[in-house]
Amino acid sequence: MQAKLQEQLSPADAEIILKRLPERIQAAPIARAAEIEYPIAAVIEMAIASFLDTIESVYNNK
């Protein structure tokens, strides 16, 4: 069976990711989502993308 690729994080998957984080870390993306009036899934996607961009730049500069 082949999994279907999605371009965006689903709201259900975002909630699963969020619930796996410690409560103090959960608060930051929830607050940011409210502040910029974006869905929590979009905020989590942006956080992951930002992290990956940072990691990529660190490894490309070595």
N, C-alpha and C. Protein backbone atom coordinates (compact mmCIF):
# COMPACT_ATOMS: atom_id res chain seq x y z
N MET A 1 0.85 -1.18 0.00
CA MET A 1 0.00 0.00 0.00
C MET A 1 0.90 1.25 0.00
N GLN A 2 0.57 2.18 -0.85
CA GLN A 2 1.35 3.41 -0.95
C GLN A 2 0.58 4.55 -0.28
N ALA A 3 1.29 5.30 0.56
CA ALA A 3 0.67 6.43 1.25
C ALA A 3 0.50 7.60 0.29
N LYS A 4 -0.59 8.32 0.44
CA LYS A 4 -0.84 9.51 -0.36
C LYS A 4 -0.09 10.69 0.24
N LEU A 5 0.70 11.37 -0.57
CA LEU A 5 1.43 12.53 -0.08
C LEU A 5 0.53 13.75 -0.04
N GLN A 6 0.68 14.53 1.02
CA GLN A 6 -0.08 15.75 1.16
C GLN A 6 0.88 16.93 1.12
N GLU A 7 0.43 18.00 0.53
CA GLU A 7 1.25 19.22 0.46
C GLU A 7 1.20 20.01 1.75
N GLN A 8 0.14 19.79 2.53
CA GLN A 8 -0.03 20.54 3.76
C GLN A 8 -0.33 19.60 4.91
N LEU A 9 0.03 20.04 6.10
CA LEU A 9 -0.26 19.29 7.32
C LEU A 9 -1.75 19.38 7.60
N SER A 10 -2.38 18.26 7.86
CA SER A 10 -3.81 18.30 8.16
C SER A 10 -4.02 18.81 9.59
N PRO A 11 -5.20 19.38 9.85
CA PRO A 11 -5.48 19.83 11.22
C PRO A 11 -5.38 18.69 12.24
N ALA A 12 -5.79 17.50 11.86
CA ALA A 12 -5.71 16.36 12.77
C ALA A 12 -4.26 16.01 13.09
N ASP A 13 -3.41 16.00 12.05
CA ASP A 13 -1.99 15.71 12.27
C ASP A 13 -1.32 16.81 13.10
N ALA A 14 -1.71 18.04 12.87
CA ALA A 14 -1.15 19.15 13.65
C ALA A 14 -1.49 18.98 15.12
N GLU A 15 -2.70 18.57 15.42
CA GLU A 15 -3.11 18.35 16.81
C GLU A 15 -2.32 17.21 17.44
N ILE A 16 -2.06 16.15 16.66
CA ILE A 16 -1.27 15.03 17.17
C ILE A 16 0.14 15.49 17.52
N ILE A 17 0.75 16.25 16.61
CA ILE A 17 2.10 16.79 16.86
C ILE A 17 2.09 17.67 18.10
N LEU A 18 1.12 18.57 18.16
CA LEU A 18 1.03 19.51 19.27
C LEU A 18 0.89 18.79 20.61
N LYS A 19 0.04 17.77 20.66
CA LYS A 19 -0.20 17.05 21.91
C LYS A 19 1.02 16.25 22.38
N ARG A 20 1.96 15.98 21.47
CA ARG A 20 3.17 15.23 21.85
C ARG A 20 4.24 16.14 22.46
N LEU A 21 4.05 17.45 22.37
CA LEU A 21 5.00 18.40 22.93
C LEU A 21 4.69 18.68 24.39
N PRO A 22 5.70 19.04 25.18
CA PRO A 22 5.42 19.46 26.57
C PRO A 22 4.49 20.68 26.57
N GLU A 23 3.70 20.81 27.62
CA GLU A 23 2.70 21.90 27.69
C GLU A 23 3.31 23.28 27.49
N ARG A 24 4.48 23.52 28.07
CA ARG A 24 5.10 24.85 27.94
C ARG A 24 5.50 25.14 26.50
N ILE A 25 5.81 24.10 25.73
CA ILE A 25 6.16 24.31 24.32
C ILE A 25 4.90 24.39 23.47
N GLN A 26 3.84 23.70 23.86
CA GLN A 26 2.57 23.78 23.14
C GLN A 26 2.04 25.21 23.12
N ALA A 27 2.27 25.92 24.19
CA ALA A 27 1.71 27.27 24.34
C ALA A 27 2.21 28.23 23.27
N ALA A 28 3.46 28.11 22.85
CA ALA A 28 4.03 29.06 21.88
C ALA A 28 3.35 29.01 20.52
N PRO A 29 3.22 27.85 19.88
CA PRO A 29 2.53 27.86 18.59
C PRO A 29 1.04 28.21 18.69
N ILE A 30 0.42 27.84 19.80
CA ILE A 30 -0.99 28.20 19.98
C ILE A 30 -1.13 29.71 20.08
N ALA A 31 -0.26 30.34 20.85
CA ALA A 31 -0.30 31.80 20.98
C ALA A 31 0.01 32.48 19.66
N ARG A 32 0.99 31.97 18.96
CA ARG A 32 1.37 32.56 17.66
C ARG A 32 0.22 32.44 16.66
N ALA A 33 -0.43 31.29 16.63
CA ALA A 33 -1.56 31.09 15.72
C ALA A 33 -2.68 32.10 16.01
N ALA A 34 -2.94 32.32 17.28
CA ALA A 34 -3.97 33.30 17.67
C ALA A 34 -3.53 34.71 17.29
N GLU A 35 -2.26 35.01 17.52
CA GLU A 35 -1.73 36.35 17.24
C GLU A 35 -1.82 36.71 15.75
N ILE A 36 -1.48 35.77 14.88
CA ILE A 36 -1.47 36.07 13.44
C ILE A 36 -2.73 35.58 12.74
N GLU A 37 -3.65 35.00 13.52
CA GLU A 37 -4.93 34.51 13.01
C GLU A 37 -4.74 33.50 11.88
N TYR A 38 -3.86 32.53 12.14
CA TYR A 38 -3.61 31.43 11.21
C TYR A 38 -4.03 30.13 11.88
N PRO A 39 -4.36 29.11 11.10
CA PRO A 39 -4.64 27.81 11.70
C PRO A 39 -3.37 27.25 12.36
N ILE A 40 -3.55 26.48 13.42
CA ILE A 40 -2.42 25.91 14.13
C ILE A 40 -1.58 25.03 13.20
N ALA A 41 -2.20 24.35 12.25
CA ALA A 41 -1.46 23.50 11.31
C ALA A 41 -0.47 24.34 10.50
N ALA A 42 -0.88 25.52 10.08
CA ALA A 42 0.01 26.40 9.31
C ALA A 42 1.18 26.87 10.16
N VAL A 43 0.93 27.18 11.41
CA VAL A 43 1.99 27.65 12.31
C VAL A 43 3.00 26.54 12.56
N ILE A 44 2.51 25.32 12.76
CA ILE A 44 3.42 24.19 12.97
C ILE A 44 4.24 23.94 11.71
N GLU A 45 3.62 24.02 10.55
CA GLU A 45 4.35 23.87 9.28
C GLU A 45 5.45 24.93 9.17
N MET A 46 5.12 26.17 9.49
CA MET A 46 6.12 27.25 9.41
C MET A 46 7.26 27.01 10.38
N ALA A 47 6.95 26.52 11.57
CA ALA A 47 8.00 26.26 12.56
C ALA A 47 8.93 25.14 12.09
N ILE A 48 8.36 24.09 11.53
CA ILE A 48 9.18 22.99 11.02
C ILE A 48 10.03 23.47 9.85
N ALA A 49 9.44 24.22 8.93
CA ALA A 49 10.18 24.73 7.78
C ALA A 49 11.32 25.64 8.21
N SER A 50 11.05 26.49 9.18
CA SER A 50 12.08 27.39 9.70
C SER A 50 13.22 26.61 10.32
N PHE A 51 12.90 25.59 11.09
CA PHE A 51 13.91 24.74 11.70
C PHE A 51 14.75 24.06 10.63
N LEU A 52 14.10 23.50 9.62
CA LEU A 52 14.84 22.81 8.56
C LEU A 52 15.72 23.77 7.77
N ASP A 53 15.24 24.98 7.52
CA ASP A 53 16.05 25.98 6.84
C ASP A 53 17.30 26.33 7.65
N THR A 54 17.12 26.44 8.96
CA THR A 54 18.26 26.74 9.85
C THR A 54 19.28 25.62 9.80
N ILE A 55 18.82 24.40 9.91
CA ILE A 55 19.71 23.24 9.88
C ILE A 55 20.45 23.18 8.54
N GLU A 56 19.71 23.41 7.45
CA GLU A 56 20.33 23.36 6.12
C GLU A 56 21.43 24.43 5.98
N SER A 57 21.16 25.63 6.48
CA SER A 57 22.15 26.68 6.36
C SER A 57 23.39 26.39 7.21
N VAL A 58 23.20 25.74 8.34
CA VAL A 58 24.33 25.38 9.19
C VAL A 58 25.22 24.37 8.47
N TYR A 59 24.62 23.36 7.88
CA TYR A 59 25.40 22.33 7.20
C TYR A 59 25.98 22.80 5.88
N ASN A 60 25.34 23.74 5.21
CA ASN A 60 25.86 24.25 3.93
C ASN A 60 26.99 25.23 4.13
N ASN A 61 27.12 25.81 5.31
CA ASN A 61 28.18 26.78 5.59
C ASN A 61 29.44 26.14 6.14
N LYS A 62 29.46 24.83 6.28
CA LYS A 62 30.65 24.15 6.82
C LYS A 62 31.61 23.80 5.72
